[in-house]
Protein backbone atom coordinates (compact mmCIF):
# COMPACT_ATOMS: atom_id res chain seq x y z
CA GLY A 1 0.00 0.00 0.00
CA ILE A 2 0.87 3.64 -0.21
CA SER A 3 0.92 5.93 2.76
CA VAL A 4 1.46 9.65 2.95
CA GLU A 5 2.23 11.60 6.07
CA GLU A 6 2.22 15.32 6.52
CA PRO A 7 5.17 16.63 8.47
CA THR A 8 2.86 18.63 10.74
CA GLY A 9 0.76 15.60 11.50
CA GLU A 10 -2.39 17.36 10.28
CA GLN A 11 -4.64 15.63 7.82
CA SER A 12 -6.32 18.74 6.40
CA THR A 13 -4.26 18.81 3.19
CA LEU A 14 -4.89 15.14 2.52
CA SER A 15 -8.61 15.51 3.13
CA ASP A 16 -8.63 18.54 0.81
CA LEU A 17 -7.00 16.40 -1.89
CA ALA A 18 -9.58 13.68 -1.36
CA GLU A 19 -12.32 16.21 -2.16
CA LEU A 20 -10.89 16.95 -5.61
CA ARG A 21 -12.72 15.49 -8.58
CA ILE A 22 -10.29 15.72 -11.46
CA ALA A 23 -11.43 15.36 -15.06
CA TYR A 24 -9.19 15.09 -18.09
CA LEU A 25 -10.74 15.70 -21.49
CA PRO A 26 -8.50 14.79 -24.43
CA VAL A 27 -8.52 16.45 -27.83
CA PHE A 28 -11.98 16.32 -29.37
CA SER A 29 -12.67 13.50 -31.80
CA MET A 30 -15.68 13.20 -34.10
CA PHE A 31 -18.85 11.64 -32.69
CA LEU A 32 -19.83 8.17 -33.76
CA PRO A 33 -22.84 7.99 -36.11
CA ARG A 34 -24.72 5.69 -33.68
CA GLU A 35 -24.29 4.83 -30.05
CA GLU A 36 -25.80 1.98 -28.07
CA ARG A 37 -26.92 2.41 -24.48
CA ARG A 38 -24.08 1.23 -22.25
CA LEU A 39 -23.86 0.05 -18.69
CA GLN A 40 -22.06 2.36 -16.28
CA ALA A 41 -18.97 0.12 -16.13
CA ALA A 42 -18.59 0.27 -19.92
CA ILE A 43 -19.06 4.06 -19.91
CA ASP A 44 -16.45 4.46 -17.18
CA ASP A 45 -14.04 2.24 -19.15
CA GLU A 46 -14.43 4.39 -22.28
CA LEU A 47 -13.92 7.56 -20.24
CA ALA A 48 -10.81 6.14 -18.58
CA ARG A 49 -9.37 5.49 -22.03
CA GLY A 50 -10.13 9.06 -23.12
CA GLN A 51 -12.90 7.95 -25.48
CA VAL A 52 -15.56 10.48 -24.43
CA HIS A 53 -16.73 10.81 -28.04
CA GLY A 54 -17.74 7.13 -27.99
CA VAL A 55 -20.16 7.56 -25.08
CA ILE A 56 -21.30 11.17 -25.49
CA ARG A 57 -24.94 10.20 -26.12
CA ASN A 58 -24.86 8.05 -22.97
CA LEU A 59 -23.56 11.04 -20.99
CA ILE A 60 -26.22 13.34 -22.44
CA LEU A 61 -28.89 10.74 -21.63
CA GLU A 62 -27.60 10.66 -18.04
CA LEU A 63 -27.94 14.45 -17.92
CA LYS A 64 -31.55 14.12 -19.10
CA GLU A 65 -32.33 11.38 -16.59
CA GLY A 66 -30.88 13.59 -13.85
CA GLY A 67 -33.05 16.53 -14.96
CA ARG A 68 -30.01 18.58 -16.04
CA ALA A 69 -30.15 18.57 -19.85
CA GLY A 70 -31.55 22.11 -19.74
CA GLU A 71 -28.27 23.32 -18.21
CA LEU A 72 -26.41 21.98 -21.23
CA VAL A 73 -28.81 23.73 -23.58
CA GLU A 74 -28.20 27.00 -21.69
CA VAL A 75 -24.43 26.68 -22.13
CA LEU A 76 -24.77 25.82 -25.82
CA ARG A 77 -27.20 28.69 -26.47
CA ARG A 78 -24.64 31.21 -25.29
CA SER A 79 -22.46 30.13 -28.22
CA PHE A 80 -25.22 29.07 -30.61
CA PRO A 81 -28.19 31.41 -30.02
CA ALA A 82 -30.31 29.78 -32.74
CA LEU A 83 -30.41 26.50 -30.78
CA SER A 84 -33.98 26.02 -29.66
CA GLU A 85 -33.87 22.52 -28.21
CA LEU A 86 -31.89 19.36 -27.68
CA ASN A 87 -33.98 16.18 -27.84
CA ILE A 88 -32.71 13.06 -26.12
CA VAL A 89 -34.67 9.88 -26.79
CA PHE A 90 -34.12 6.37 -25.53
CA ASP A 91 -36.61 3.69 -24.45
CA GLU A 92 -35.04 0.80 -22.51
CA VAL A 93 -37.64 -1.62 -23.93
CA THR A 94 -37.70 -0.73 -27.63
CA ASP A 95 -34.51 1.16 -28.48
CA ARG A 96 -31.02 -0.12 -29.12
CA TYR A 97 -29.46 3.26 -29.93
CA ILE A 98 -29.69 6.61 -28.16
CA THR A 99 -31.02 9.42 -30.34
CA VAL A 100 -29.86 12.97 -29.68
CA THR A 101 -31.11 15.64 -32.05
CA TYR A 102 -31.08 19.41 -32.00
CA HIS A 103 -33.34 22.03 -33.51
CA GLU A 104 -32.43 25.54 -34.55
CA GLU A 105 -34.87 28.44 -34.83
CA GLY A 106 -35.86 29.07 -38.42
CA ARG A 107 -34.98 25.56 -39.58
CA PRO A 108 -37.82 23.24 -40.58
CA LYS A 109 -36.50 20.03 -39.02
CA GLU A 110 -34.27 18.50 -36.36
CA PHE A 111 -30.78 17.17 -37.01
CA ASP A 112 -28.81 14.39 -35.34
CA ILE A 113 -25.78 15.66 -33.41
CA PHE A 114 -23.60 13.60 -35.75
CA SER A 115 -24.47 16.02 -38.57
CA ALA A 116 -23.72 19.13 -36.48
CA GLY A 117 -20.68 21.25 -37.12
CA SER A 118 -17.50 20.33 -35.30
CA GLY A 119 -17.67 23.48 -33.14
CA PHE A 120 -21.12 22.54 -31.84
CA GLN A 121 -20.00 18.96 -31.28
CA GLN A 122 -16.88 20.09 -29.47
CA LEU A 123 -18.76 22.32 -27.01
CA LEU A 124 -21.44 19.64 -26.54
CA TYR A 125 -18.68 17.15 -25.71
CA LEU A 126 -16.81 19.44 -23.29
CA PHE A 127 -19.73 20.87 -21.38
CA GLY A 128 -21.89 17.74 -21.48
CA PHE A 129 -19.10 15.90 -19.71
CA ILE A 130 -18.31 18.74 -17.29
CA LEU A 131 -21.96 19.27 -16.32
CA LEU A 132 -22.52 15.57 -15.76
CA ARG A 133 -19.37 14.69 -13.85
CA ARG A 134 -19.06 18.01 -11.96
CA PRO A 135 -15.28 17.99 -11.60
CA THR A 136 -13.53 20.47 -9.32
CA VAL A 137 -10.44 20.41 -11.53
CA VAL A 138 -10.78 20.33 -15.31
CA MET A 139 -7.77 19.51 -17.48
CA LEU A 140 -8.28 20.05 -21.21
CA ASP A 141 -5.98 19.12 -24.05
CA GLU A 142 -6.34 21.67 -26.83
CA PRO A 143 -10.04 22.42 -26.28
CA ASP A 144 -9.87 25.14 -28.93
CA VAL A 145 -8.37 23.03 -31.71
CA HIS A 146 -10.36 23.25 -34.97
CA LEU A 147 -12.56 26.07 -33.60
CA HIS A 148 -13.02 29.32 -35.49
CA GLY A 149 -11.66 32.37 -33.68
CA SER A 150 -15.14 33.53 -32.60
CA LEU A 151 -15.89 30.13 -31.05
CA GLN A 152 -12.48 30.11 -29.36
CA ALA A 153 -13.45 33.37 -27.64
CA LEU A 154 -16.83 31.93 -26.60
CA LEU A 155 -15.10 28.81 -25.27
CA LEU A 156 -12.82 30.98 -23.14
CA ASP A 157 -15.89 32.80 -21.79
CA GLU A 158 -17.40 29.47 -20.75
CA LEU A 159 -14.15 28.33 -19.16
CA ARG A 160 -14.04 31.62 -17.21
CA ARG A 161 -17.56 30.83 -15.97
CA LEU A 162 -16.26 27.53 -14.62
CA VAL A 163 -13.46 29.37 -12.81
CA ASP A 164 -16.00 31.85 -11.41
CA GLU A 165 -17.92 28.83 -10.05
CA GLY A 166 -14.79 27.79 -8.15
CA LYS A 167 -13.41 25.17 -10.51
CA GLN A 168 -9.77 25.02 -11.50
CA VAL A 169 -9.29 24.90 -15.26
CA LEU A 170 -6.00 23.99 -16.92
CA PHE A 171 -5.53 23.59 -20.63
CA ALA A 172 -2.89 23.26 -23.29
CA THR A 173 -3.26 25.24 -26.50
CA HIS A 174 -1.36 26.25 -29.58
CA SER A 175 -3.58 29.30 -30.13
CA ARG A 176 -2.28 32.77 -29.49
């Protein structure tokens, strides 16, 4: 086993460390065209391997089941004001795949998130995960890669919001 002792004999620093919930989100990768409902152990395995994109619909479904999908829509609307709704559909009895569609004001129909632009997908991925897992420390690897300059600025605004909420945010970037 591993043991750690503080020279002062106080356990406050160790208990503070135990309270941290650290999340690492790797570089964004394209969503899969379909995604089956997974058991929690399988979701956790994908996340541990940095494969968030392979279980993003499962994470969004968890947000819906926890009554928090509206929070994700609020975050996305700040960057994509035309977004009117995010629809998450899965029936344990009849469905094999999770359906997540979005609708934009002024558009006649809904679209699957697979057909969304990479900027929308990237923010959905980042903030869907962050809202669901509620980390206290967020480590991001190039969260702004492939984003247009205007979306990079909006991403930074959202990351500042996380800091204002008391989270620590660290990220690597090649942007200036």
